[in-house]
Amino acid sequence: MRSLYWKVALATALAAMMSQAGKAQNLSGCSDATLKGDYAFTVSGQIFLPTGLVVQRQGIALTHFDGNGNLMQEDLVLSSPNAPPAPGVAPTNAEGFHTNETGTYTVNLDCTGTFTINMPNLTTAAGGSVKGAVIKVHFVLSNFGRSVHTVVTSLTPPGAPGPVPALISSEGHKVHPIEED
């Protein structure tokens, strides 16, 4: 009887260890597929222009991640009243959201990653075109990929020759977390 008790105890302990090992692998293994679906973001921060002007930014965005490293986004980001106007007009929808923003992303095994957002070119009053802004972001995924915490690491304004300093972050949450998991 004592031998059977120890065999059952050993089998139970091994099963518990195997279960914990499987859970640990699932918690630390992210990929591009972990970031998939529509995410609602709030955006907040500052841009430091070469003129010395500091521009406050507040906004919201809806970003679609395809699970394969590509994204599409629309956003509504407002600037402080003293901000200089953009050098052209960006495409917008009926509600005033900027549209046609595209990009790519990479998710690392440790659930960190990067993405780049390419804003569409702007149309000038003279009918010309100005290269759209480019935003580079680092992020961390949490809640099994249902939440995204970001910080902008490079921001090149429309038509600018290079990036300007920025201190911008955002928080994103999956729009339909149950349906798409």
Foldseek 3Di string as FASTA:
>chain_A
DVVVVVVVVVVVVVVVVVVVVVVVQLLQFDWLLLQAAKKKKWKWWWFQDPVRDIKTKTWIKIKGRHSPFKIFIKMDMDIDPVDDDAQADADADPVRIGGDKMWTKIADSRQKIKIKIFGCWGAHPVRDTWGAKIWIKIWGADPSSQKIKIWTPFIAHINHPGTTDITMIMIIGHPDVPVPD
